[in-house]
Amino acid sequence: MGIHKEGFKTIIISFLALTVIVWIVNISLPQFPIITIILGSIAFLFWLGIVSFFRYPKFTVVENPSQVISPADGKVVVIEKVKMSEFLDDERIQISIFMSPANTHLNRYPISGKISYFRYHPGKHLVAWLPKASTDNEQTSIALENSKLTIMVRQIAGAVARRIVCYSEEGQEVKQGDQLGFIKFGSRVDVFLPFHAEIQVSLEENVRAGKTILAKI
């Protein structure tokens, strides 16, 4: 288990800010040391929570061209047929994975292939599990294609997540399991699969990025 590079700045700044707050309380209320102790304990636990947001497991993903793996840790909240209007002009099976603050927030590529499309869309910050979040919220759209299929992955910000980090570029060749990006403080990732994909997960199932098989192709 490691700490992702996207968290270094946030972890350092939050530690310094909380330390200053506790120090100010300590010098302002020297006659009440218990207040400083309690506040310091709460601040430390809060800081540990921030650190945990940026943890991620280190492991090697063995590529399998017959599988689509989960791009995110979390819970499957949507499995349904949808009509695509962005890049993929056809009907797809949408699988949505909700990442809670307790999940790791690193996203991985579900398949190996070429990035044929990438767009960043500014938008709202609705609660991520709402259906309208897929169209109205801030998000990135990434289309991946190889000799077997073309899929789309969307990173979607939520009410808490305020920054999406995506490492994708059009024309880039990527490997299954490589780091796609990071959504700070959780949110949602949607995967859009062709109808011939054999779905291997069910609603409310907990999945792991780079490990759980979403579909077989």
C-alpha atoms as a PDB file:
ATOM      1  CA  MET A   1       0.000   0.000   0.000  1.00  0.00           C
ATOM      2  CA  GLY A   2       1.364   3.420  -0.959  1.00  0.00           C
ATOM      3  CA  ILE A   3       0.397   7.092  -0.962  1.00  0.00           C
ATOM      4  CA  HIS A   4      -0.486   8.434  -4.395  1.00  0.00           C
ATOM      5  CA  LYS A   5       1.453  11.412  -5.748  1.00  0.00           C
ATOM      6  CA  GLU A   6      -1.799  13.363  -6.202  1.00  0.00           C
ATOM      7  CA  GLY A   7      -2.138  13.516  -2.416  1.00  0.00           C
ATOM      8  CA  PHE A   8       1.279  14.845  -1.423  1.00  0.00           C
ATOM      9  CA  LYS A   9       0.385  18.549  -1.629  1.00  0.00           C
ATOM     10  CA  THR A  10      -2.989  18.122   0.097  1.00  0.00           C
ATOM     11  CA  ILE A  11      -1.472  16.011   2.892  1.00  0.00           C
ATOM     12  CA  ILE A  12       1.309  18.509   3.610  1.00  0.00           C
ATOM     13  CA  ILE A  13      -0.918  21.598   3.475  1.00  0.00           C
ATOM     14  CA  SER A  14      -3.595  20.019   5.664  1.00  0.00           C
ATOM     15  CA  PHE A  15      -0.983  18.958   8.233  1.00  0.00           C
ATOM     16  CA  LEU A  16       0.475  22.462   8.423  1.00  0.00           C
ATOM     17  CA  ALA A  17      -2.958  24.115   8.622  1.00  0.00           C
ATOM     18  CA  LEU A  18      -4.190  21.811  11.394  1.00  0.00           C
ATOM     19  CA  THR A  19      -0.934  22.251  13.313  1.00  0.00           C
ATOM     20  CA  VAL A  20      -1.272  26.043  13.177  1.00  0.00           C
ATOM     21  CA  ILE A  21      -4.899  25.862  14.384  1.00  0.00           C
ATOM     22  CA  VAL A  22      -3.961  23.691  17.367  1.00  0.00           C
ATOM     23  CA  TRP A  23      -0.976  25.929  18.159  1.00  0.00           C
ATOM     24  CA  ILE A  24      -3.142  29.061  18.102  1.00  0.00           C
ATOM     25  CA  VAL A  25      -5.662  27.457  20.454  1.00  0.00           C
ATOM     26  CA  ASN A  26      -2.846  26.369  22.759  1.00  0.00           C
ATOM     27  CA  ILE A  27      -1.342  29.843  23.129  1.00  0.00           C
ATOM     28  CA  SER A  28      -4.776  31.487  23.331  1.00  0.00           C
ATOM     29  CA  LEU A  29      -6.067  29.210  26.092  1.00  0.00           C
ATOM     30  CA  PRO A  30      -3.016  28.129  28.112  1.00  0.00           C
ATOM     31  CA  GLN A  31      -5.223  27.707  31.212  1.00  0.00           C
ATOM     32  CA  PHE A  32      -7.208  24.936  29.464  1.00  0.00           C
ATOM     33  CA  PRO A  33      -4.639  22.373  28.244  1.00  0.00           C
ATOM     34  CA  ILE A  34      -7.358  19.741  27.983  1.00  0.00           C
ATOM     35  CA  ILE A  35      -8.913  21.708  25.110  1.00  0.00           C
ATOM     36  CA  THR A  36      -5.618  21.619  23.221  1.00  0.00           C
ATOM     37  CA  ILE A  37      -5.285  17.881  23.833  1.00  0.00           C
ATOM     38  CA  ILE A  38      -8.812  17.140  22.623  1.00  0.00           C
ATOM     39  CA  LEU A  39      -8.526  19.438  19.603  1.00  0.00           C
ATOM     40  CA  GLY A  40      -5.103  18.042  18.756  1.00  0.00           C
ATOM     41  CA  SER A  41      -6.445  14.480  18.877  1.00  0.00           C
ATOM     42  CA  ILE A  42      -9.397  15.349  16.647  1.00  0.00           C
ATOM     43  CA  ALA A  43      -7.125  17.194  14.213  1.00  0.00           C
ATOM     44  CA  PHE A  44      -4.738  14.246  14.032  1.00  0.00           C
ATOM     45  CA  LEU A  45      -7.544  11.767  13.348  1.00  0.00           C
ATOM     46  CA  PHE A  46      -8.945  14.091  10.672  1.00  0.00           C
ATOM     47  CA  TRP A  47      -5.501  14.309   9.079  1.00  0.00           C
ATOM     48  CA  LEU A  48      -5.168  10.520   9.085  1.00  0.00           C
ATOM     49  CA  GLY A  49      -8.515  10.401   7.267  1.00  0.00           C
ATOM     50  CA  ILE A  50      -7.124  12.717   4.591  1.00  0.00           C
ATOM     51  CA  VAL A  51      -4.033  10.525   4.239  1.00  0.00           C
ATOM     52  CA  SER A  52      -6.243   7.445   3.820  1.00  0.00           C
ATOM     53  CA  PHE A  53      -8.041   9.116   0.876  1.00  0.00           C
ATOM     54  CA  PHE A  54      -4.797   8.976  -1.110  1.00  0.00           C
ATOM     55  CA  ARG A  55      -3.719   5.425  -0.322  1.00  0.00           C
ATOM     56  CA  TYR A  56      -3.596   2.900  -3.135  1.00  0.00           C
ATOM     57  CA  PRO A  57      -2.548  -0.745  -3.391  1.00  0.00           C
ATOM     58  CA  LYS A  58       0.530  -1.562  -5.421  1.00  0.00           C
ATOM     59  CA  PHE A  59       0.231  -4.650  -7.604  1.00  0.00           C
ATOM     60  CA  THR A  60       0.866  -5.808 -11.159  1.00  0.00           C
ATOM     61  CA  VAL A  61      -2.121  -6.392 -13.425  1.00  0.00           C
ATOM     62  CA  VAL A  62      -1.739  -9.368 -15.771  1.00  0.00           C
ATOM     63  CA  GLU A  63      -3.218  -8.313 -19.118  1.00  0.00           C
ATOM     64  CA  ASN A  64      -6.109 -10.389 -20.436  1.00  0.00           C
ATOM     65  CA  PRO A  65      -7.607  -9.269 -23.779  1.00  0.00           C
ATOM     66  CA  SER A  66     -10.740 -11.318 -23.107  1.00  0.00           C
ATOM     67  CA  GLN A  67     -11.646  -9.371 -19.973  1.00  0.00           C
ATOM     68  CA  VAL A  68     -12.752  -5.863 -19.041  1.00  0.00           C
ATOM     69  CA  ILE A  69     -11.539  -5.106 -15.523  1.00  0.00           C
ATOM     70  CA  SER A  70     -12.951  -2.583 -13.090  1.00  0.00           C
ATOM     71  CA  PRO A  71     -11.455   0.921 -13.403  1.00  0.00           C
ATOM     72  CA  ALA A  72     -12.348   1.834  -9.808  1.00  0.00           C
ATOM     73  CA  ASP A  73     -12.846   0.574  -6.284  1.00  0.00           C
ATOM     74  CA  GLY A  74     -16.416   0.911  -5.067  1.00  0.00           C
ATOM     75  CA  LYS A  75     -19.959  -0.374  -5.409  1.00  0.00           C
ATOM     76  CA  VAL A  76     -21.852  -1.089  -8.626  1.00  0.00           C
ATOM     77  CA  VAL A  77     -24.858   1.263  -8.568  1.00  0.00           C
ATOM     78  CA  VAL A  78     -26.064   1.094 -12.190  1.00  0.00           C
ATOM     79  CA  ILE A  79     -26.261  -1.640 -14.833  1.00  0.00           C
ATOM     80  CA  GLU A  80     -28.511  -0.551 -17.675  1.00  0.00           C
ATOM     81  CA  LYS A  81     -28.873  -0.006 -21.414  1.00  0.00           C
ATOM     82  CA  VAL A  82     -28.281   3.569 -22.595  1.00  0.00           C
ATOM     83  CA  LYS A  83     -28.146   5.464 -25.876  1.00  0.00           C
ATOM     84  CA  MET A  84     -24.783   7.146 -26.336  1.00  0.00           C
ATOM     85  CA  SER A  85     -24.592  10.632 -27.819  1.00  0.00           C
ATOM     86  CA  GLU A  86     -20.905  11.366 -27.269  1.00  0.00           C
ATOM     87  CA  PHE A  87     -18.397   9.830 -29.704  1.00  0.00           C
ATOM     88  CA  LEU A  88     -20.058   6.384 -29.575  1.00  0.00           C
ATOM     89  CA  ASP A  89     -23.290   6.851 -31.513  1.00  0.00           C
ATOM     90  CA  ASP A  90     -24.976   3.612 -30.511  1.00  0.00           C
ATOM     91  CA  GLU A  91     -26.577   1.768 -27.615  1.00  0.00           C
ATOM     92  CA  ARG A  92     -24.387   0.503 -24.791  1.00  0.00           C
ATOM     93  CA  ILE A  93     -24.483  -1.258 -21.443  1.00  0.00           C
ATOM     94  CA  GLN A  94     -23.583   1.231 -18.722  1.00  0.00           C
ATOM     95  CA  ILE A  95     -21.932   0.032 -15.518  1.00  0.00           C
ATOM     96  CA  SER A  96     -21.522   2.726 -12.866  1.00  0.00           C
ATOM     97  CA  ILE A  97     -19.239   2.365  -9.862  1.00  0.00           C
ATOM     98  CA  PHE A  98     -19.706   4.675  -6.879  1.00  0.00           C
ATOM     99  CA  MET A  99     -16.559   5.404  -4.860  1.00  0.00           C
ATOM    100  CA  SER A 100     -17.226   6.317  -1.231  1.00  0.00           C
ATOM    101  CA  PRO A 101     -14.693   8.219   0.896  1.00  0.00           C
ATOM    102  CA  ALA A 102     -13.618   4.833   2.298  1.00  0.00           C
ATOM    103  CA  ASN A 103     -12.519   3.533  -1.121  1.00  0.00           C
ATOM    104  CA  THR A 104      -9.198   4.134  -2.809  1.00  0.00           C
ATOM    105  CA  HIS A 105      -9.599   6.714  -5.576  1.00  0.00           C
ATOM    106  CA  LEU A 106      -7.014   5.696  -8.169  1.00  0.00           C
ATOM    107  CA  ASN A 107      -8.603   4.800 -11.521  1.00  0.00           C
ATOM    108  CA  ARG A 108      -7.152   2.231 -13.937  1.00  0.00           C
ATOM    109  CA  TYR A 109      -7.643   1.422 -17.628  1.00  0.00           C
ATOM    110  CA  PRO A 110     -10.167  -1.449 -18.032  1.00  0.00           C
ATOM    111  CA  ILE A 111      -8.585  -2.723 -21.278  1.00  0.00           C
ATOM    112  CA  SER A 112      -5.417  -2.312 -23.291  1.00  0.00           C
ATOM    113  CA  GLY A 113      -5.646  -0.264 -26.448  1.00  0.00           C
ATOM    114  CA  LYS A 114      -5.461   3.168 -28.018  1.00  0.00           C
ATOM    115  CA  ILE A 115      -7.155   6.291 -26.674  1.00  0.00           C
ATOM    116  CA  SER A 116      -9.222   7.404 -29.642  1.00  0.00           C
ATOM    117  CA  TYR A 117     -11.153  10.158 -27.848  1.00  0.00           C
ATOM    118  CA  PHE A 118     -10.679  12.340 -24.768  1.00  0.00           C
ATOM    119  CA  ARG A 119     -12.717  15.287 -23.510  1.00  0.00           C
ATOM    120  CA  TYR A 120     -12.998  17.219 -20.262  1.00  0.00           C
ATOM    121  CA  HIS A 121     -16.492  18.561 -19.497  1.00  0.00           C
ATOM    122  CA  PRO A 122     -17.001  21.203 -16.800  1.00  0.00           C
ATOM    123  CA  GLY A 123     -20.269  20.865 -14.915  1.00  0.00           C
ATOM    124  CA  LYS A 124     -22.173  20.612 -11.669  1.00  0.00           C
ATOM    125  CA  HIS A 125     -21.338  18.689  -8.498  1.00  0.00           C
ATOM    126  CA  LEU A 126     -24.521  16.748  -7.836  1.00  0.00           C
ATOM    127  CA  VAL A 127     -24.435  13.720  -5.526  1.00  0.00           C
ATOM    128  CA  ALA A 128     -22.616  11.113  -7.623  1.00  0.00           C
ATOM    129  CA  TRP A 129     -25.178   8.300  -7.384  1.00  0.00           C
ATOM    130  CA  LEU A 130     -27.977  10.419  -8.915  1.00  0.00           C
ATOM    131  CA  PRO A 131     -28.774   9.467 -12.549  1.00  0.00           C
ATOM    132  CA  LYS A 132     -28.323  13.084 -13.734  1.00  0.00           C
ATOM    133  CA  ALA A 133     -24.738  13.040 -12.455  1.00  0.00           C
ATOM    134  CA  SER A 134     -23.753  11.070 -15.562  1.00  0.00           C
ATOM    135  CA  THR A 135     -24.703  13.972 -17.828  1.00  0.00           C
ATOM    136  CA  ASP A 136     -24.687  17.115 -15.666  1.00  0.00           C
ATOM    137  CA  ASN A 137     -21.613  16.771 -13.441  1.00  0.00           C
ATOM    138  CA  GLU A 138     -18.015  17.716 -14.134  1.00  0.00           C
ATOM    139  CA  GLN A 139     -16.434  14.769 -15.928  1.00  0.00           C
ATOM    140  CA  THR A 140     -13.900  13.372 -18.344  1.00  0.00           C
ATOM    141  CA  SER A 141     -14.743  10.994 -21.203  1.00  0.00           C
ATOM    142  CA  ILE A 142     -12.146   8.549 -22.506  1.00  0.00           C
ATOM    143  CA  ALA A 143     -12.743   6.155 -25.414  1.00  0.00           C
ATOM    144  CA  LEU A 144     -10.451   3.112 -25.644  1.00  0.00           C
ATOM    145  CA  GLU A 145     -10.296   0.820 -28.656  1.00  0.00           C
ATOM    146  CA  ASN A 146      -8.469  -2.333 -29.645  1.00  0.00           C
ATOM    147  CA  SER A 147      -9.000  -5.128 -32.149  1.00  0.00           C
ATOM    148  CA  LYS A 148     -11.870  -6.594 -30.085  1.00  0.00           C
ATOM    149  CA  LEU A 149     -13.961  -3.645 -28.964  1.00  0.00           C
ATOM    150  CA  THR A 150     -14.320   0.050 -28.211  1.00  0.00           C
ATOM    151  CA  ILE A 151     -15.420   1.228 -24.778  1.00  0.00           C
ATOM    152  CA  MET A 152     -15.863   4.540 -23.025  1.00  0.00           C
ATOM    153  CA  VAL A 153     -14.883   5.385 -19.452  1.00  0.00           C
ATOM    154  CA  ARG A 154     -16.170   8.471 -17.653  1.00  0.00           C
ATOM    155  CA  GLN A 155     -14.722   9.909 -14.460  1.00  0.00           C
ATOM    156  CA  ILE A 156     -17.510  11.867 -12.763  1.00  0.00           C
ATOM    157  CA  ALA A 157     -17.092  14.350  -9.926  1.00  0.00           C
ATOM    158  CA  GLY A 158     -19.616  14.405  -7.095  1.00  0.00           C
ATOM    159  CA  ALA A 159     -20.746  16.609  -4.232  1.00  0.00           C
ATOM    160  CA  VAL A 160     -17.460  16.137  -2.347  1.00  0.00           C
ATOM    161  CA  ALA A 161     -15.018  15.431  -5.165  1.00  0.00           C
ATOM    162  CA  ARG A 162     -13.883  18.747  -6.612  1.00  0.00           C
ATOM    163  CA  ARG A 163     -10.981  17.730  -8.775  1.00  0.00           C
ATOM    164  CA  ILE A 164     -10.663  15.095 -11.461  1.00  0.00           C
ATOM    165  CA  VAL A 165      -7.148  14.164 -12.553  1.00  0.00           C
ATOM    166  CA  CYS A 166      -6.838  12.292 -15.850  1.00  0.00           C
ATOM    167  CA  TYR A 167      -3.599  11.174 -17.510  1.00  0.00           C
ATOM    168  CA  SER A 168      -5.163  10.328 -20.893  1.00  0.00           C
ATOM    169  CA  GLU A 169      -4.225  11.853 -24.242  1.00  0.00           C
ATOM    170  CA  GLU A 170      -5.698  11.091 -27.650  1.00  0.00           C
ATOM    171  CA  GLY A 171      -3.516   8.716 -29.640  1.00  0.00           C
ATOM    172  CA  GLN A 172      -1.864   7.284 -26.524  1.00  0.00           C
ATOM    173  CA  GLU A 173      -1.379   3.514 -26.282  1.00  0.00           C
ATOM    174  CA  VAL A 174      -2.214   2.214 -22.803  1.00  0.00           C
ATOM    175  CA  LYS A 175      -2.095  -1.123 -21.005  1.00  0.00           C
ATOM    176  CA  GLN A 176      -4.864  -2.749 -19.012  1.00  0.00           C
ATOM    177  CA  GLY A 177      -4.432  -1.812 -15.344  1.00  0.00           C
ATOM    178  CA  ASP A 178      -2.256   1.261 -15.956  1.00  0.00           C
ATOM    179  CA  GLN A 179      -3.144   4.401 -14.040  1.00  0.00           C
ATOM    180  CA  LEU A 180      -5.907   6.332 -15.831  1.00  0.00           C
ATOM    181  CA  GLY A 181      -6.258   9.089 -13.256  1.00  0.00           C
ATOM    182  CA  PHE A 182      -7.463  10.040  -9.801  1.00  0.00           C
ATOM    183  CA  ILE A 183     -10.656  11.587  -8.447  1.00  0.00           C
ATOM    184  CA  LYS A 184      -9.932  13.427  -5.230  1.00  0.00           C
ATOM    185  CA  PHE A 185     -12.206  12.418  -2.353  1.00  0.00           C
ATOM    186  CA  GLY A 186     -14.234   9.872  -4.273  1.00  0.00           C
ATOM    187  CA  SER A 187     -17.090  10.003  -6.738  1.00  0.00           C
ATOM    188  CA  ARG A 188     -18.145   7.771  -9.640  1.00  0.00           C
ATOM    189  CA  VAL A 189     -16.803   6.044 -12.737  1.00  0.00           C
ATOM    190  CA  ASP A 190     -19.034   4.886 -15.623  1.00  0.00           C
ATOM    191  CA  VAL A 191     -18.027   2.234 -18.152  1.00  0.00           C
ATOM    192  CA  PHE A 192     -19.933   1.863 -21.438  1.00  0.00           C
ATOM    193  CA  LEU A 193     -19.660  -1.608 -22.989  1.00  0.00           C
ATOM    194  CA  PRO A 194     -20.976  -3.117 -26.238  1.00  0.00           C
ATOM    195  CA  PHE A 195     -23.944  -5.503 -26.027  1.00  0.00           C
ATOM    196  CA  HIS A 196     -21.845  -8.572 -26.821  1.00  0.00           C
ATOM    197  CA  ALA A 197     -19.906  -8.155 -23.556  1.00  0.00           C
ATOM    198  CA  GLU A 198     -20.828 -10.786 -20.960  1.00  0.00           C
ATOM    199  CA  ILE A 199     -21.400  -8.853 -17.717  1.00  0.00           C
ATOM    200  CA  GLN A 200     -19.809 -10.537 -14.696  1.00  0.00           C
ATOM    201  CA  VAL A 201     -20.965  -8.209 -11.886  1.00  0.00           C
ATOM    202  CA  SER A 202     -24.307  -7.403 -10.290  1.00  0.00           C
ATOM    203  CA  LEU A 203     -25.931  -4.390  -8.638  1.00  0.00           C
ATOM    204  CA  GLU A 204     -24.649  -3.528  -5.154  1.00  0.00           C
ATOM    205  CA  GLU A 205     -21.548  -5.664  -5.690  1.00  0.00           C
ATOM    206  CA  ASN A 206     -18.272  -4.280  -4.336  1.00  0.00           C
ATOM    207  CA  VAL A 207     -15.520  -4.201  -6.972  1.00  0.00           C
ATOM    208  CA  ARG A 208     -11.772  -3.593  -6.959  1.00  0.00           C
ATOM    209  CA  ALA A 209      -9.851  -1.508  -9.491  1.00  0.00           C
ATOM    210  CA  GLY A 210      -7.572  -3.664 -11.614  1.00  0.00           C
ATOM    211  CA  LYS A 211      -8.835  -6.903 -10.051  1.00  0.00           C
ATOM    212  CA  THR A 212     -12.591  -7.391 -10.459  1.00  0.00           C
ATOM    213  CA  ILE A 213     -13.716  -8.604 -13.895  1.00  0.00           C
ATOM    214  CA  LEU A 214     -16.601  -6.436 -15.109  1.00  0.00           C
ATOM    215  CA  ALA A 215     -17.175  -8.323 -18.335  1.00  0.00           C
ATOM    216  CA  LYS A 216     -15.836 -11.007 -20.644  1.00  0.00           C
ATOM    217  CA  ILE A 217     -15.522 -10.373 -24.377  1.00  0.00           C
END
